[in-house]
Amino acid sequence: MATFVSLVHWTDKGVADFKNSTQRAAGVAELARKHGGQLVHLYWTLGDYDLIGIFDMPDDASITAMGLEIGAVGGVRTTTMRAFSEDEFKQIVARTG
C-alpha cells in the first residue's frame, strides 16, 4: 500500500454543512474501502487547511478515482501528495548509488 496525505479546503457548500462533517468523513472512509484502501487518520485543523486526511491506498489511480468522487460532491477541494515512510525513503536513496 502507498500512503497519501490530502490537504482539504471546505468549499462554501462544505462549510455551510459543517455540522455533518463527521458523517461525511464516514462516507470518505467508505470510499477509500471501495477503492481498495483505507482512511488511516482524519484531522480537523486550524490554519490554512480545514482537514488533513491520511490514506493507505493501492496506487495512484485508486487515490485519484476516490478524489474525483469526493470532489464531484462539491463540499471540498483537495491537494493530495504521496508520502514515503522512512524505510521507503531509504530504498529510494539506495537507488541513487
PDB file of N, CA and C in Angstrom:
ATOM      1  N   MET A   1       0.834  -1.185   0.000  1.00  0.00           N
ATOM      2  CA  MET A   1       0.000   0.000   0.000  1.00  0.00           C
ATOM      3  C   MET A   1       0.880   1.250   0.000  1.00  0.00           C
ATOM      4  N   ALA A   2       0.410   2.262  -0.663  1.00  0.00           N
ATOM      5  CA  ALA A   2       1.079   3.559  -0.693  1.00  0.00           C
ATOM      6  C   ALA A   2       0.341   4.509   0.246  1.00  0.00           C
ATOM      7  N   THR A   3       1.068   5.418   0.866  1.00  0.00           N
ATOM      8  CA  THR A   3       0.473   6.398   1.773  1.00  0.00           C
ATOM      9  C   THR A   3       0.331   7.731   1.054  1.00  0.00           C
ATOM     10  N   PHE A   4      -0.797   8.366   1.270  1.00  0.00           N
ATOM     11  CA  PHE A   4      -1.096   9.668   0.679  1.00  0.00           C
ATOM     12  C   PHE A   4      -1.612  10.600   1.761  1.00  0.00           C
ATOM     13  N   VAL A   5      -1.253  11.877   1.657  1.00  0.00           N
ATOM     14  CA  VAL A   5      -1.736  12.914   2.559  1.00  0.00           C
ATOM     15  C   VAL A   5      -2.571  13.884   1.733  1.00  0.00           C
ATOM     16  N   SER A   6      -3.798  14.117   2.171  1.00  0.00           N
ATOM     17  CA  SER A   6      -4.682  15.063   1.487  1.00  0.00           C
ATOM     18  C   SER A   6      -4.904  16.284   2.369  1.00  0.00           C
ATOM     19  N   LEU A   7      -4.611  17.447   1.808  1.00  0.00           N
ATOM     20  CA  LEU A   7      -4.876  18.724   2.462  1.00  0.00           C
ATOM     21  C   LEU A   7      -6.214  19.221   1.911  1.00  0.00           C
ATOM     22  N   VAL A   8      -7.134  19.526   2.800  1.00  0.00           N
ATOM     23  CA  VAL A   8      -8.521  19.741   2.400  1.00  0.00           C
ATOM     24  C   VAL A   8      -8.993  21.146   2.757  1.00  0.00           C
ATOM     25  N   HIS A   9      -9.605  21.795   1.772  1.00  0.00           N
ATOM     26  CA  HIS A   9     -10.306  23.066   1.979  1.00  0.00           C
ATOM     27  C   HIS A   9     -11.798  22.804   1.819  1.00  0.00           C
ATOM     28  N   TRP A  10     -12.603  23.299   2.755  1.00  0.00           N
ATOM     29  CA  TRP A  10     -14.035  23.275   2.557  1.00  0.00           C
ATOM     30  C   TRP A  10     -14.406  24.323   1.518  1.00  0.00           C
ATOM     31  N   THR A  11     -15.322  23.989   0.658  1.00  0.00           N
ATOM     32  CA  THR A  11     -15.923  24.987  -0.236  1.00  0.00           C
ATOM     33  C   THR A  11     -17.003  25.709   0.565  1.00  0.00           C
ATOM     34  N   ASP A  12     -17.641  26.700  -0.033  1.00  0.00           N
ATOM     35  CA  ASP A  12     -18.764  27.362   0.637  1.00  0.00           C
ATOM     36  C   ASP A  12     -19.838  26.341   0.993  1.00  0.00           C
ATOM     37  N   LYS A  13     -20.084  25.406   0.090  1.00  0.00           N
ATOM     38  CA  LYS A  13     -21.071  24.347   0.339  1.00  0.00           C
ATOM     39  C   LYS A  13     -20.640  23.478   1.524  1.00  0.00           C
ATOM     40  N   GLY A  14     -19.358  23.142   1.586  1.00  0.00           N
ATOM     41  CA  GLY A  14     -18.863  22.289   2.660  1.00  0.00           C
ATOM     42  C   GLY A  14     -18.926  22.945   4.027  1.00  0.00           C
ATOM     43  N   VAL A  15     -18.538  24.210   4.113  1.00  0.00           N
ATOM     44  CA  VAL A  15     -18.569  24.887   5.405  1.00  0.00           C
ATOM     45  C   VAL A  15     -20.007  25.142   5.850  1.00  0.00           C
ATOM     46  N   ALA A  16     -20.925  25.351   4.912  1.00  0.00           N
ATOM     47  CA  ALA A  16     -22.329  25.547   5.271  1.00  0.00           C
ATOM     48  C   ALA A  16     -22.909  24.292   5.927  1.00  0.00           C
ATOM     49  N   ASP A  17     -22.304  23.138   5.630  1.00  0.00           N
ATOM     50  CA  ASP A  17     -22.778  21.863   6.171  1.00  0.00           C
ATOM     51  C   ASP A  17     -21.801  21.299   7.206  1.00  0.00           C
ATOM     52  N   PHE A  18     -21.099  22.175   7.932  1.00  0.00           N
ATOM     53  CA  PHE A  18     -20.059  21.722   8.863  1.00  0.00           C
ATOM     54  C   PHE A  18     -20.586  20.781   9.936  1.00  0.00           C
ATOM     55  N   LYS A  19     -21.844  20.921  10.310  1.00  0.00           N
ATOM     56  CA  LYS A  19     -22.400  20.070  11.380  1.00  0.00           C
ATOM     57  C   LYS A  19     -22.452  18.599  10.968  1.00  0.00           C
ATOM     58  N   ASN A  20     -22.454  18.325   9.681  1.00  0.00           N
ATOM     59  CA  ASN A  20     -22.482  16.942   9.200  1.00  0.00           C
ATOM     60  C   ASN A  20     -21.108  16.439   8.771  1.00  0.00           C
ATOM     61  N   SER A  21     -20.074  17.169   9.155  1.00  0.00           N
ATOM     62  CA  SER A  21     -18.727  16.827   8.711  1.00  0.00           C
ATOM     63  C   SER A  21     -18.293  15.430   9.162  1.00  0.00           C
ATOM     64  N   THR A  22     -18.654  15.026  10.360  1.00  0.00           N
ATOM     65  CA  THR A  22     -18.237  13.692  10.804  1.00  0.00           C
ATOM     66  C   THR A  22     -18.961  12.598  10.030  1.00  0.00           C
ATOM     67  N   GLN A  23     -20.204  12.852   9.639  1.00  0.00           N
ATOM     68  CA  GLN A  23     -20.914  11.879   8.805  1.00  0.00           C
ATOM     69  C   GLN A  23     -20.302  11.807   7.415  1.00  0.00           C
ATOM     70  N   ARG A  24     -19.904  12.965   6.881  1.00  0.00           N
ATOM     71  CA  ARG A  24     -19.246  12.976   5.579  1.00  0.00           C
ATOM     72  C   ARG A  24     -17.912  12.241   5.650  1.00  0.00           C
ATOM     73  N   ALA A  25     -17.223  12.360   6.776  1.00  0.00           N
ATOM     74  CA  ALA A  25     -15.958  11.649   6.959  1.00  0.00           C
ATOM     75  C   ALA A  25     -16.171  10.140   6.901  1.00  0.00           C
ATOM     76  N   ALA A  26     -17.256   9.662   7.457  1.00  0.00           N
ATOM     77  CA  ALA A  26     -17.565   8.227   7.384  1.00  0.00           C
ATOM     78  C   ALA A  26     -17.762   7.803   5.933  1.00  0.00           C
ATOM     79  N   GLY A  27     -18.354   8.675   5.135  1.00  0.00           N
ATOM     80  CA  GLY A  27     -18.520   8.391   3.710  1.00  0.00           C
ATOM     81  C   GLY A  27     -17.191   8.334   2.976  1.00  0.00           C
ATOM     82  N   VAL A  28     -16.254   9.179   3.373  1.00  0.00           N
ATOM     83  CA  VAL A  28     -14.910   9.164   2.773  1.00  0.00           C
ATOM     84  C   VAL A  28     -14.205   7.860   3.122  1.00  0.00           C
ATOM     85  N   ALA A  29     -14.351   7.417   4.361  1.00  0.00           N
ATOM     86  CA  ALA A  29     -13.740   6.148   4.762  1.00  0.00           C
ATOM     87  C   ALA A  29     -14.310   5.001   3.937  1.00  0.00           C
ATOM     88  N   GLU A  30     -15.598   5.040   3.680  1.00  0.00           N
ATOM     89  CA  GLU A  30     -16.234   4.003   2.853  1.00  0.00           C
ATOM     90  C   GLU A  30     -15.721   4.062   1.411  1.00  0.00           C
ATOM     91  N   LEU A  31     -15.560   5.255   0.871  1.00  0.00           N
ATOM     92  CA  LEU A  31     -15.000   5.395  -0.481  1.00  0.00           C
ATOM     93  C   LEU A  31     -13.582   4.846  -0.563  1.00  0.00           C
ATOM     94  N   ALA A  32     -12.788   5.100   0.471  1.00  0.00           N
ATOM     95  CA  ALA A  32     -11.424   4.560   0.486  1.00  0.00           C
ATOM     96  C   ALA A  32     -11.471   3.038   0.425  1.00  0.00           C
ATOM     97  N   ARG A  33     -12.363   2.424   1.199  1.00  0.00           N
ATOM     98  CA  ARG A  33     -12.502   0.950   1.165  1.00  0.00           C
ATOM     99  C   ARG A  33     -12.968   0.479  -0.211  1.00  0.00           C
ATOM    100  N   LYS A  34     -13.894   1.225  -0.807  1.00  0.00           N
ATOM    101  CA  LYS A  34     -14.386   0.877  -2.142  1.00  0.00           C
ATOM    102  C   LYS A  34     -13.245   0.804  -3.152  1.00  0.00           C
ATOM    103  N   HIS A  35     -12.251   1.677  -2.982  1.00  0.00           N
ATOM    104  CA  HIS A  35     -11.125   1.731  -3.907  1.00  0.00           C
ATOM    105  C   HIS A  35      -9.925   0.913  -3.420  1.00  0.00           C
ATOM    106  N   GLY A  36     -10.169   0.033  -2.464  1.00  0.00           N
ATOM    107  CA  GLY A  36      -9.145  -0.905  -2.025  1.00  0.00           C
ATOM    108  C   GLY A  36      -8.198  -0.403  -0.958  1.00  0.00           C
ATOM    109  N   GLY A  37      -8.512   0.719  -0.341  1.00  0.00           N
ATOM    110  CA  GLY A  37      -7.617   1.287   0.663  1.00  0.00           C
ATOM    111  C   GLY A  37      -8.320   1.560   1.967  1.00  0.00           C
ATOM    112  N   GLN A  38      -7.725   2.465   2.723  1.00  0.00           N
ATOM    113  CA  GLN A  38      -8.340   2.852   3.990  1.00  0.00           C
ATOM    114  C   GLN A  38      -7.969   4.275   4.371  1.00  0.00           C
ATOM    115  N   LEU A  39      -8.889   4.915   5.060  1.00  0.00           N
ATOM    116  CA  LEU A  39      -8.626   6.203   5.683  1.00  0.00           C
ATOM    117  C   LEU A  39      -7.938   5.892   7.009  1.00  0.00           C
ATOM    118  N   VAL A  40      -6.678   6.264   7.135  1.00  0.00           N
ATOM    119  CA  VAL A  40      -5.897   5.948   8.340  1.00  0.00           C
ATOM    120  C   VAL A  40      -6.204   6.954   9.445  1.00  0.00           C
ATOM    121  N   HIS A  41      -6.181   8.241   9.104  1.00  0.00           N
ATOM    122  CA  HIS A  41      -6.470   9.315  10.064  1.00  0.00           C
ATOM    123  C   HIS A  41      -7.134  10.461   9.328  1.00  0.00           C
ATOM    124  N   LEU A  42      -8.016  11.132  10.032  1.00  0.00           N
ATOM    125  CA  LEU A  42      -8.588  12.380   9.529  1.00  0.00           C
ATOM    126  C   LEU A  42      -8.572  13.366  10.675  1.00  0.00           C
ATOM    127  N   TYR A  43      -8.004  14.536  10.417  1.00  0.00           N
ATOM    128  CA  TYR A  43      -7.898  15.573  11.437  1.00  0.00           C
ATOM    129  C   TYR A  43      -8.595  16.837  10.954  1.00  0.00           C
ATOM    130  N   TRP A  44      -9.390  17.449  11.816  1.00  0.00           N
ATOM    131  CA  TRP A  44      -9.954  18.762  11.565  1.00  0.00           C
ATOM    132  C   TRP A  44      -8.916  19.741  12.090  1.00  0.00           C
ATOM    133  N   THR A  45      -8.550  20.737  11.282  1.00  0.00           N
ATOM    134  CA  THR A  45      -7.396  21.568  11.622  1.00  0.00           C
ATOM    135  C   THR A  45      -7.725  23.059  11.615  1.00  0.00           C
ATOM    136  N   LEU A  46      -6.851  23.808  12.250  1.00  0.00           N
ATOM    137  CA  LEU A  46      -6.871  25.264  12.202  1.00  0.00           C
ATOM    138  C   LEU A  46      -5.765  25.704  11.256  1.00  0.00           C
ATOM    139  N   GLY A  47      -5.924  26.858  10.665  1.00  0.00           N
ATOM    140  CA  GLY A  47      -4.866  27.373   9.795  1.00  0.00           C
ATOM    141  C   GLY A  47      -5.271  27.329   8.338  1.00  0.00           C
ATOM    142  N   ASP A  48      -4.302  27.045   7.478  1.00  0.00           N
ATOM    143  CA  ASP A  48      -4.518  27.126   6.035  1.00  0.00           C
ATOM    144  C   ASP A  48      -5.473  26.068   5.494  1.00  0.00           C
ATOM    145  N   TYR A  49      -5.619  24.943   6.197  1.00  0.00           N
ATOM    146  CA  TYR A  49      -6.476  23.855   5.716  1.00  0.00           C
ATOM    147  C   TYR A  49      -7.515  23.527   6.776  1.00  0.00           C
ATOM    148  N   ASP A  50      -8.637  23.027   6.326  1.00  0.00           N
ATOM    149  CA  ASP A  50      -9.729  22.674   7.236  1.00  0.00           C
ATOM    150  C   ASP A  50      -9.616  21.247   7.756  1.00  0.00           C
ATOM    151  N   LEU A  51      -9.072  20.369   6.944  1.00  0.00           N
ATOM    152  CA  LEU A  51      -8.869  18.979   7.340  1.00  0.00           C
ATOM    153  C   LEU A  51      -7.593  18.459   6.705  1.00  0.00           C
ATOM    154  N   ILE A  52      -7.045  17.411   7.315  1.00  0.00           N
ATOM    155  CA  ILE A  52      -5.939  16.665   6.734  1.00  0.00           C
ATOM    156  C   ILE A  52      -6.298  15.194   6.831  1.00  0.00           C
ATOM    157  N   GLY A  53      -6.265  14.514   5.687  1.00  0.00           N
ATOM    158  CA  GLY A  53      -6.552  13.083   5.657  1.00  0.00           C
ATOM    159  C   GLY A  53      -5.314  12.295   5.293  1.00  0.00           C
ATOM    160  N   ILE A  54      -5.132  11.160   5.953  1.00  0.00           N
ATOM    161  CA  ILE A  54      -4.023  10.264   5.644  1.00  0.00           C
ATOM    162  C   ILE A  54      -4.630   8.938   5.203  1.00  0.00           C
ATOM    163  N   PHE A  55      -4.250   8.511   4.012  1.00  0.00           N
ATOM    164  CA  PHE A  55      -4.832   7.321   3.391  1.00  0.00           C
ATOM    165  C   PHE A  55      -3.752   6.311   3.040  1.00  0.00           C
ATOM    166  N   ASP A  56      -4.064   5.051   3.180  1.00  0.00           N
ATOM    167  CA  ASP A  56      -3.279   3.972   2.594  1.00  0.00           C
ATOM    168  C   ASP A  56      -4.094   3.447   1.426  1.00  0.00           C
ATOM    169  N   MET A  57      -3.540   3.558   0.225  1.00  0.00           N
ATOM    170  CA  MET A  57      -4.256   3.170  -0.985  1.00  0.00           C
ATOM    171  C   MET A  57      -3.350   2.303  -1.851  1.00  0.00           C
ATOM    172  N   PRO A  58      -3.950   1.449  -2.696  1.00  0.00           N
ATOM    173  CA  PRO A  58      -3.133   0.541  -3.506  1.00  0.00           C
ATOM    174  C   PRO A  58      -2.199   1.238  -4.487  1.00  0.00           C
ATOM    175  N   ASP A  59      -2.630   2.392  -5.039  1.00  0.00           N
ATOM    176  CA  ASP A  59      -1.825   3.036  -6.075  1.00  0.00           C
ATOM    177  C   ASP A  59      -2.367   4.426  -6.370  1.00  0.00           C
ATOM    178  N   ASP A  60      -1.665   5.134  -7.251  1.00  0.00           N
ATOM    179  CA  ASP A  60      -2.066   6.497  -7.621  1.00  0.00           C
ATOM    180  C   ASP A  60      -3.460   6.544  -8.237  1.00  0.00           C
ATOM    181  N   ALA A  61      -3.769   5.563  -9.068  1.00  0.00           N
ATOM    182  CA  ALA A  61      -5.081   5.559  -9.728  1.00  0.00           C
ATOM    183  C   ALA A  61      -6.213   5.436  -8.712  1.00  0.00           C
ATOM    184  N   SER A  62      -6.016   4.656  -7.678  1.00  0.00           N
ATOM    185  CA  SER A  62      -7.055   4.461  -6.658  1.00  0.00           C
ATOM    186  C   SER A  62      -7.333   5.745  -5.895  1.00  0.00           C
ATOM    187  N   ILE A  63      -6.288   6.447  -5.466  1.00  0.00           N
ATOM    188  CA  ILE A  63      -6.486   7.694  -4.728  1.00  0.00           C
ATOM    189  C   ILE A  63      -7.080   8.760  -5.647  1.00  0.00           C
ATOM    190  N   THR A  64      -6.699   8.737  -6.923  1.00  0.00           N
ATOM    191  CA  THR A  64      -7.236   9.711  -7.874  1.00  0.00           C
ATOM    192  C   THR A  64      -8.720   9.473  -8.119  1.00  0.00           C
ATOM    193  N   ALA A  65      -9.112   8.229  -8.317  1.00  0.00           N
ATOM    194  CA  ALA A  65     -10.533   7.910  -8.522  1.00  0.00           C
ATOM    195  C   ALA A  65     -11.351   8.318  -7.298  1.00  0.00           C
ATOM    196  N   MET A  66     -10.837   8.004  -6.113  1.00  0.00           N
ATOM    197  CA  MET A  66     -11.535   8.383  -4.893  1.00  0.00           C
ATOM    198  C   MET A  66     -11.654   9.907  -4.799  1.00  0.00           C
ATOM    199  N   GLY A  67     -10.563  10.611  -5.080  1.00  0.00           N
ATOM    200  CA  GLY A  67     -10.582  12.065  -5.027  1.00  0.00           C
ATOM    201  C   GLY A  67     -11.566  12.689  -6.002  1.00  0.00           C
ATOM    202  N   LEU A  68     -11.690  12.105  -7.177  1.00  0.00           N
ATOM    203  CA  LEU A  68     -12.667  12.602  -8.149  1.00  0.00           C
ATOM    204  C   LEU A  68     -14.087  12.432  -7.630  1.00  0.00           C
ATOM    205  N   GLU A  69     -14.368  11.294  -7.017  1.00  0.00           N
ATOM    206  CA  GLU A  69     -15.707  11.070  -6.462  1.00  0.00           C
ATOM    207  C   GLU A  69     -16.008  12.050  -5.332  1.00  0.00           C
ATOM    208  N   ILE A  70     -15.024  12.284  -4.473  1.00  0.00           N
ATOM    209  CA  ILE A  70     -15.223  13.227  -3.369  1.00  0.00           C
ATOM    210  C   ILE A  70     -15.421  14.635  -3.919  1.00  0.00           C
ATOM    211  N   GLY A  71     -14.575  15.039  -4.853  1.00  0.00           N
ATOM    212  CA  GLY A  71     -14.671  16.376  -5.422  1.00  0.00           C
ATOM    213  C   GLY A  71     -15.969  16.632  -6.154  1.00  0.00           C
ATOM    214  N   ALA A  72     -16.523  15.600  -6.765  1.00  0.00           N
ATOM    215  CA  ALA A  72     -17.772  15.759  -7.520  1.00  0.00           C
ATOM    216  C   ALA A  72     -18.951  16.146  -6.631  1.00  0.00           C
ATOM    217  N   VAL A  73     -18.875  15.818  -5.352  1.00  0.00           N
ATOM    218  CA  VAL A  73     -19.952  16.177  -4.420  1.00  0.00           C
ATOM    219  C   VAL A  73     -19.981  17.686  -4.190  1.00  0.00           C
ATOM    220  N   GLY A  74     -18.807  18.328  -4.242  1.00  0.00           N
ATOM    221  CA  GLY A  74     -18.746  19.784  -4.174  1.00  0.00           C
ATOM    222  C   GLY A  74     -18.489  20.382  -2.804  1.00  0.00           C
ATOM    223  N   GLY A  75     -18.237  19.574  -1.788  1.00  0.00           N
ATOM    224  CA  GLY A  75     -18.037  20.112  -0.449  1.00  0.00           C
ATOM    225  C   GLY A  75     -16.600  20.467  -0.113  1.00  0.00           C
ATOM    226  N   VAL A  76     -15.656  19.910  -0.876  1.00  0.00           N
ATOM    227  CA  VAL A  76     -14.238  20.158  -0.581  1.00  0.00           C
ATOM    228  C   VAL A  76     -13.427  20.263  -1.861  1.00  0.00           C
ATOM    229  N   ARG A  77     -12.245  20.856  -1.710  1.00  0.00           N
ATOM    230  CA  ARG A  77     -11.202  20.848  -2.728  1.00  0.00           C
ATOM    231  C   ARG A  77      -9.957  20.311  -2.028  1.00  0.00           C
ATOM    232  N   THR A  78      -9.233  19.435  -2.698  1.00  0.00           N
ATOM    233  CA  THR A  78      -8.101  18.774  -2.051  1.00  0.00           C
ATOM    234  C   THR A  78      -6.798  18.960  -2.831  1.00  0.00           C
ATOM    235  N   THR A  79      -5.722  18.874  -2.090  1.00  0.00           N
ATOM    236  CA  THR A  79      -4.381  18.743  -2.642  1.00  0.00           C
ATOM    237  C   THR A  79      -3.824  17.464  -2.028  1.00  0.00           C
ATOM    238  N   THR A  80      -3.468  16.501  -2.865  1.00  0.00           N
ATOM    239  CA  THR A  80      -3.038  15.202  -2.357  1.00  0.00           C
ATOM    240  C   THR A  80      -1.601  14.927  -2.771  1.00  0.00           C
ATOM    241  N   MET A  81      -0.841  14.419  -1.811  1.00  0.00           N
ATOM    242  CA  MET A  81       0.584  14.159  -2.022  1.00  0.00           C
ATOM    243  C   MET A  81       0.898  12.723  -1.641  1.00  0.00           C
ATOM    244  N   ARG A  82       1.815  12.113  -2.351  1.00  0.00           N
ATOM    245  CA  ARG A  82       2.337  10.794  -1.979  1.00  0.00           C
ATOM    246  C   ARG A  82       3.308  11.016  -0.837  1.00  0.00           C
ATOM    247  N   ALA A  83       3.208  10.192   0.190  1.00  0.00           N
ATOM    248  CA  ALA A  83       4.109  10.280   1.341  1.00  0.00           C
ATOM    249  C   ALA A  83       4.906   8.983   1.452  1.00  0.00           C
ATOM    250  N   PHE A  84       6.161   9.102   1.857  1.00  0.00           N
ATOM    251  CA  PHE A  84       7.043   7.941   1.963  1.00  0.00           C
ATOM    252  C   PHE A  84       7.466   7.740   3.414  1.00  0.00           C
ATOM    253  N   SER A  85       7.410   6.505   3.868  1.00  0.00           N
ATOM    254  CA  SER A  85       7.914   6.176   5.203  1.00  0.00           C
ATOM    255  C   SER A  85       9.439   6.249   5.191  1.00  0.00           C
ATOM    256  N   GLU A  86      10.038   6.162   6.356  1.00  0.00           N
ATOM    257  CA  GLU A  86      11.494   6.189   6.434  1.00  0.00           C
ATOM    258  C   GLU A  86      12.092   5.020   5.655  1.00  0.00           C
ATOM    259  N   ASP A  87      11.528   3.835   5.807  1.00  0.00           N
ATOM    260  CA  ASP A  87      12.041   2.670   5.083  1.00  0.00           C
ATOM    261  C   ASP A  87      11.918   2.846   3.571  1.00  0.00           C
ATOM    262  N   GLU A  88      10.773   3.373   3.130  1.00  0.00           N
ATOM    263  CA  GLU A  88      10.600   3.608   1.699  1.00  0.00           C
ATOM    264  C   GLU A  88      11.627   4.621   1.191  1.00  0.00           C
ATOM    265  N   PHE A  89      11.861   5.662   1.975  1.00  0.00           N
ATOM    266  CA  PHE A  89      12.819   6.672   1.543  1.00  0.00           C
ATOM    267  C   PHE A  89      14.237   6.111   1.506  1.00  0.00           C
ATOM    268  N   LYS A  90      14.572   5.243   2.446  1.00  0.00           N
ATOM    269  CA  LYS A  90      15.887   4.599   2.417  1.00  0.00           C
ATOM    270  C   LYS A  90      16.064   3.806   1.121  1.00  0.00           C
ATOM    271  N   GLN A  91      15.018   3.140   0.690  1.00  0.00           N
ATOM    272  CA  GLN A  91      15.083   2.385  -0.559  1.00  0.00           C
ATOM    273  C   GLN A  91      15.268   3.321  -1.749  1.00  0.00           C
ATOM    274  N   ILE A  92      14.614   4.459  -1.718  1.00  0.00           N
ATOM    275  CA  ILE A  92      14.769   5.446  -2.792  1.00  0.00           C
ATOM    276  C   ILE A  92      16.202   5.959  -2.825  1.00  0.00           C
ATOM    277  N   VAL A  93      16.741   6.293  -1.683  1.00  0.00           N
ATOM    278  CA  VAL A  93      18.110   6.788  -1.598  1.00  0.00           C
ATOM    279  C   VAL A  93      19.088   5.724  -2.099  1.00  0.00           C
ATOM    280  N   ALA A  94      18.837   4.472  -1.752  1.00  0.00           N
ATOM    281  CA  ALA A  94      19.725   3.377  -2.184  1.00  0.00           C
ATOM    282  C   ALA A  94      19.788   3.280  -3.707  1.00  0.00           C
ATOM    283  N   ARG A  95      18.748   3.682  -4.408  1.00  0.00           N
ATOM    284  CA  ARG A  95      18.752   3.648  -5.873  1.00  0.00           C
ATOM    285  C   ARG A  95      19.684   4.669  -6.489  1.00  0.00           C
ATOM    286  N   THR A  96      20.084   5.661  -5.683  1.00  0.00           N
ATOM    287  CA  THR A  96      20.941   6.708  -6.233  1.00  0.00           C
ATOM    288  C   THR A  96      22.399   6.298  -6.313  1.00  0.00           C
ATOM    289  N   GLY A  97      22.711   5.163  -5.672  1.00  0.00           N
ATOM    290  CA  GLY A  97      24.066   4.621  -5.786  1.00  0.00           C
ATOM    291  C   GLY A  97      25.022   5.067  -4.778  1.00  0.00           C
TER     292      GLY A  97
END
